[in-house]
Amino acid sequence: MCTHTPKCPTADSPDAEAAHVVAAHPEQGWSLLCNAVVLFDVMSISGAWHGR
């Protein structure tokens, strides 16, 4: 999926979160990385759970 040079780390690499963001939805609390990892912003999600 990654076309960057140098290549982004794979999903199973220890530094997988260092890959480039290809889709960001901060209002929903998640981002998709070019290595197919979905990152969740726990702070924004937990804030929504508490009615903030």
PDB file of N, CA and C in Angstrom:
ATOM      1  N   MET A   1       0.822  -1.197   0.000  1.00  0.00           N
ATOM      2  CA  MET A   1       0.000   0.000   0.000  1.00  0.00           C
ATOM      3  C   MET A   1       0.868   1.264   0.000  1.00  0.00           C
ATOM      4  N   CYS A   2       2.049   1.195   0.616  1.00  0.00           N
ATOM      5  CA  CYS A   2       2.908   2.373   0.723  1.00  0.00           C
ATOM      6  C   CYS A   2       3.695   2.604  -0.561  1.00  0.00           C
ATOM      7  N   THR A   3       3.646   3.827  -1.047  1.00  0.00           N
ATOM      8  CA  THR A   3       4.423   4.195  -2.224  1.00  0.00           C
ATOM      9  C   THR A   3       5.470   5.254  -1.885  1.00  0.00           C
ATOM     10  N   HIS A   4       5.692   5.509  -0.596  1.00  0.00           N
ATOM     11  CA  HIS A   4       6.655   6.517  -0.169  1.00  0.00           C
ATOM     12  C   HIS A   4       8.082   5.988  -0.292  1.00  0.00           C
ATOM     13  N   THR A   5       9.027   6.916  -0.417  1.00  0.00           N
ATOM     14  CA  THR A   5      10.444   6.577  -0.409  1.00  0.00           C
ATOM     15  C   THR A   5      11.104   7.379   0.689  1.00  0.00           C
ATOM     16  N   PRO A   6      11.722   6.746   1.651  1.00  0.00           N
ATOM     17  CA  PRO A   6      11.797   5.305   1.866  1.00  0.00           C
ATOM     18  C   PRO A   6      10.443   4.754   2.283  1.00  0.00           C
ATOM     19  N   LYS A   7      10.297   3.459   2.135  1.00  0.00           N
ATOM     20  CA  LYS A   7       9.035   2.787   2.474  1.00  0.00           C
ATOM     21  C   LYS A   7       8.696   2.995   3.952  1.00  0.00           C
ATOM     22  N   CYS A   8       7.428   3.119   4.241  1.00  0.00           N
ATOM     23  CA  CYS A   8       6.971   3.212   5.623  1.00  0.00           C
ATOM     24  C   CYS A   8       7.110   1.845   6.286  1.00  0.00           C
ATOM     25  N   PRO A   9       7.200   1.824   7.611  1.00  0.00           N
ATOM     26  CA  PRO A   9       7.292   0.546   8.300  1.00  0.00           C
ATOM     27  C   PRO A   9       6.030  -0.281   8.089  1.00  0.00           C
ATOM     28  N   THR A  10       6.182  -1.581   8.064  1.00  0.00           N
ATOM     29  CA  THR A  10       5.035  -2.463   7.883  1.00  0.00           C
ATOM     30  C   THR A  10       4.168  -2.476   9.129  1.00  0.00           C
ATOM     31  N   ALA A  11       2.969  -3.008   8.988  1.00  0.00           N
ATOM     32  CA  ALA A  11       2.014  -3.033  10.099  1.00  0.00           C
ATOM     33  C   ALA A  11       2.522  -3.841  11.281  1.00  0.00           C
ATOM     34  N   ASP A  12       3.386  -4.823  11.046  1.00  0.00           N
ATOM     35  CA  ASP A  12       3.885  -5.649  12.149  1.00  0.00           C
ATOM     36  C   ASP A  12       5.253  -5.196  12.660  1.00  0.00           C
ATOM     37  N   SER A  13       5.741  -4.051  12.200  1.00  0.00           N
ATOM     38  CA  SER A  13       7.003  -3.497  12.687  1.00  0.00           C
ATOM     39  C   SER A  13       6.794  -2.816  14.035  1.00  0.00           C
ATOM     40  N   PRO A  14       7.840  -2.791  14.865  1.00  0.00           N
ATOM     41  CA  PRO A  14       7.723  -2.099  16.158  1.00  0.00           C
ATOM     42  C   PRO A  14       7.383  -0.609  16.010  1.00  0.00           C
ATOM     43  N   ASP A  15       7.791  -0.005  14.892  1.00  0.00           N
ATOM     44  CA  ASP A  15       7.520   1.416  14.657  1.00  0.00           C
ATOM     45  C   ASP A  15       6.403   1.638  13.633  1.00  0.00           C
ATOM     46  N   ALA A  16       5.427   0.754  13.609  1.00  0.00           N
ATOM     47  CA  ALA A  16       4.329   0.810  12.630  1.00  0.00           C
ATOM     48  C   ALA A  16       3.591   2.145  12.647  1.00  0.00           C
ATOM     49  N   GLU A  17       3.514   2.799  13.799  1.00  0.00           N
ATOM     50  CA  GLU A  17       2.788   4.064  13.917  1.00  0.00           C
ATOM     51  C   GLU A  17       3.514   5.221  13.242  1.00  0.00           C
ATOM     52  N   ALA A  18       4.736   4.993  12.750  1.00  0.00           N
ATOM     53  CA  ALA A  18       5.495   6.044  12.073  1.00  0.00           C
ATOM     54  C   ALA A  18       5.119   6.173  10.595  1.00  0.00           C
ATOM     55  N   ALA A  19       4.244   5.331  10.101  1.00  0.00           N
ATOM     56  CA  ALA A  19       3.817   5.392   8.699  1.00  0.00           C
ATOM     57  C   ALA A  19       3.018   6.670   8.435  1.00  0.00           C
ATOM     58  N   HIS A  20       2.927   7.047   7.172  1.00  0.00           N
ATOM     59  CA  HIS A  20       2.203   8.256   6.770  1.00  0.00           C
ATOM     60  C   HIS A  20       0.692   8.077   6.918  1.00  0.00           C
ATOM     61  N   VAL A  21       0.022   9.144   7.324  1.00  0.00           N
ATOM     62  CA  VAL A  21      -1.440   9.150   7.404  1.00  0.00           C
ATOM     63  C   VAL A  21      -1.997   9.329   6.000  1.00  0.00           C
ATOM     64  N   VAL A  22      -2.916   8.458   5.589  1.00  0.00           N
ATOM     65  CA  VAL A  22      -3.554   8.585   4.273  1.00  0.00           C
ATOM     66  C   VAL A  22      -5.005   9.032   4.384  1.00  0.00           C
ATOM     67  N   ALA A  23      -5.604   8.863   5.554  1.00  0.00           N
ATOM     68  CA  ALA A  23      -6.968   9.354   5.801  1.00  0.00           C
ATOM     69  C   ALA A  23      -7.083   9.680   7.280  1.00  0.00           C
ATOM     70  N   ALA A  24      -7.491  10.893   7.578  1.00  0.00           N
ATOM     71  CA  ALA A  24      -7.629  11.319   8.971  1.00  0.00           C
ATOM     72  C   ALA A  24      -9.066  11.743   9.243  1.00  0.00           C
ATOM     73  N   HIS A  25      -9.598  11.273  10.333  1.00  0.00           N
ATOM     74  CA  HIS A  25     -10.944  11.647  10.772  1.00  0.00           C
ATOM     75  C   HIS A  25     -10.886  11.990  12.255  1.00  0.00           C
ATOM     76  N   PRO A  26     -10.278  13.143  12.587  1.00  0.00           N
ATOM     77  CA  PRO A  26     -10.124  13.511  13.997  1.00  0.00           C
ATOM     78  C   PRO A  26     -11.458  13.685  14.718  1.00  0.00           C
ATOM     79  N   GLU A  27     -12.485  14.068  13.961  1.00  0.00           N
ATOM     80  CA  GLU A  27     -13.802  14.225  14.594  1.00  0.00           C
ATOM     81  C   GLU A  27     -14.366  12.879  15.043  1.00  0.00           C
ATOM     82  N   GLN A  28     -13.889  11.795  14.434  1.00  0.00           N
ATOM     83  CA  GLN A  28     -14.309  10.446  14.818  1.00  0.00           C
ATOM     84  C   GLN A  28     -13.248   9.747  15.658  1.00  0.00           C
ATOM     85  N   GLY A  29     -12.067  10.362  15.765  1.00  0.00           N
ATOM     86  CA  GLY A  29     -11.016   9.827  16.617  1.00  0.00           C
ATOM     87  C   GLY A  29     -10.158   8.737  16.009  1.00  0.00           C
ATOM     88  N   TRP A  30      -9.980   8.732  14.670  1.00  0.00           N
ATOM     89  CA  TRP A  30      -9.125   7.715  14.067  1.00  0.00           C
ATOM     90  C   TRP A  30      -8.436   8.228  12.815  1.00  0.00           C
ATOM     91  N   SER A  31      -7.334   7.545  12.466  1.00  0.00           N
ATOM     92  CA  SER A  31      -6.581   7.829  11.244  1.00  0.00           C
ATOM     93  C   SER A  31      -6.144   6.513  10.616  1.00  0.00           C
ATOM     94  N   LEU A  32      -6.111   6.466   9.289  1.00  0.00           N
ATOM     95  CA  LEU A  32      -5.628   5.309   8.554  1.00  0.00           C
ATOM     96  C   LEU A  32      -4.228   5.607   8.056  1.00  0.00           C
ATOM     97  N   LEU A  33      -3.297   4.711   8.327  1.00  0.00           N
ATOM     98  CA  LEU A  33      -1.923   4.862   7.873  1.00  0.00           C
ATOM     99  C   LEU A  33      -1.718   4.090   6.578  1.00  0.00           C
ATOM    100  N   CYS A  34      -0.672   4.438   5.825  1.00  0.00           N
ATOM    101  CA  CYS A  34      -0.453   3.807   4.527  1.00  0.00           C
ATOM    102  C   CYS A  34      -0.070   2.333   4.639  1.00  0.00           C
ATOM    103  N   ASN A  35       0.234   1.847   5.825  1.00  0.00           N
ATOM    104  CA  ASN A  35       0.527   0.430   6.024  1.00  0.00           C
ATOM    105  C   ASN A  35      -0.703  -0.333   6.512  1.00  0.00           C
ATOM    106  N   ALA A  36      -1.871   0.266   6.363  1.00  0.00           N
ATOM    107  CA  ALA A  36      -3.171  -0.317   6.718  1.00  0.00           C
ATOM    108  C   ALA A  36      -3.441  -0.373   8.209  1.00  0.00           C
ATOM    109  N   VAL A  37      -2.629   0.299   9.016  1.00  0.00           N
ATOM    110  CA  VAL A  37      -2.875   0.390  10.454  1.00  0.00           C
ATOM    111  C   VAL A  37      -3.906   1.488  10.696  1.00  0.00           C
ATOM    112  N   VAL A  38      -4.874   1.224  11.549  1.00  0.00           N
ATOM    113  CA  VAL A  38      -5.847   2.235  11.956  1.00  0.00           C
ATOM    114  C   VAL A  38      -5.465   2.671  13.364  1.00  0.00           C
ATOM    115  N   LEU A  39      -5.170   3.958  13.517  1.00  0.00           N
ATOM    116  CA  LEU A  39      -4.833   4.511  14.824  1.00  0.00           C
ATOM    117  C   LEU A  39      -6.065   5.165  15.418  1.00  0.00           C
ATOM    118  N   PHE A  40      -6.326   4.849  16.666  1.00  0.00           N
ATOM    119  CA  PHE A  40      -7.446   5.459  17.373  1.00  0.00           C
ATOM    120  C   PHE A  40      -6.914   6.451  18.384  1.00  0.00           C
ATOM    121  N   ASP A  41      -7.519   7.634  18.431  1.00  0.00           N
ATOM    122  CA  ASP A  41      -7.168   8.660  19.409  1.00  0.00           C
ATOM    123  C   ASP A  41      -7.990   8.385  20.659  1.00  0.00           C
ATOM    124  N   VAL A  42      -7.398   7.687  21.596  1.00  0.00           N
ATOM    125  CA  VAL A  42      -8.113   7.249  22.790  1.00  0.00           C
ATOM    126  C   VAL A  42      -8.632   8.440  23.586  1.00  0.00           C
ATOM    127  N   MET A  43      -7.905   9.538  23.599  1.00  0.00           N
ATOM    128  CA  MET A  43      -8.345  10.706  24.364  1.00  0.00           C
ATOM    129  C   MET A  43      -9.648  11.276  23.795  1.00  0.00           C
ATOM    130  N   SER A  44      -9.754  11.383  22.484  1.00  0.00           N
ATOM    131  CA  SER A  44     -10.983  11.947  21.918  1.00  0.00           C
ATOM    132  C   SER A  44     -12.134  10.957  22.034  1.00  0.00           C
ATOM    133  N   ILE A  45     -11.846   9.675  21.925  1.00  0.00           N
ATOM    134  CA  ILE A  45     -12.897   8.677  22.055  1.00  0.00           C
ATOM    135  C   ILE A  45     -13.382   8.617  23.491  1.00  0.00           C
ATOM    136  N   SER A  46     -12.461   8.589  24.451  1.00  0.00           N
ATOM    137  CA  SER A  46     -12.864   8.520  25.860  1.00  0.00           C
ATOM    138  C   SER A  46     -13.600   9.798  26.268  1.00  0.00           C
ATOM    139  N   GLY A  47     -13.225  10.926  25.672  1.00  0.00           N
ATOM    140  CA  GLY A  47     -13.928  12.171  25.955  1.00  0.00           C
ATOM    141  C   GLY A  47     -15.374  12.101  25.487  1.00  0.00           C
ATOM    142  N   ALA A  48     -15.595  11.470  24.333  1.00  0.00           N
ATOM    143  CA  ALA A  48     -16.951  11.321  23.812  1.00  0.00           C
ATOM    144  C   ALA A  48     -17.782  10.412  24.717  1.00  0.00           C
ATOM    145  N   TRP A  49     -17.141   9.403  25.269  1.00  0.00           N
ATOM    146  CA  TRP A  49     -17.865   8.483  26.147  1.00  0.00           C
ATOM    147  C   TRP A  49     -18.339   9.184  27.421  1.00  0.00           C
ATOM    148  N   HIS A  50     -17.615  10.230  27.822  1.00  0.00           N
ATOM    149  CA  HIS A  50     -17.980  10.930  29.042  1.00  0.00           C
ATOM    150  C   HIS A  50     -18.843  12.150  28.767  1.00  0.00           C
ATOM    151  N   GLY A  51     -19.347  12.264  27.557  1.00  0.00           N
ATOM    152  CA  GLY A  51     -20.250  13.349  27.219  1.00  0.00           C
ATOM    153  C   GLY A  51     -19.564  14.690  27.011  1.00  0.00           C
ATOM    154  N   ARG A  52     -18.293  14.697  26.695  1.00  0.00           N
ATOM    155  CA  ARG A  52     -17.591  15.973  26.473  1.00  0.00           C
ATOM    156  C   ARG A  52     -17.729  16.418  25.052  1.00  0.00           C
TER     157      ARG A  52
END
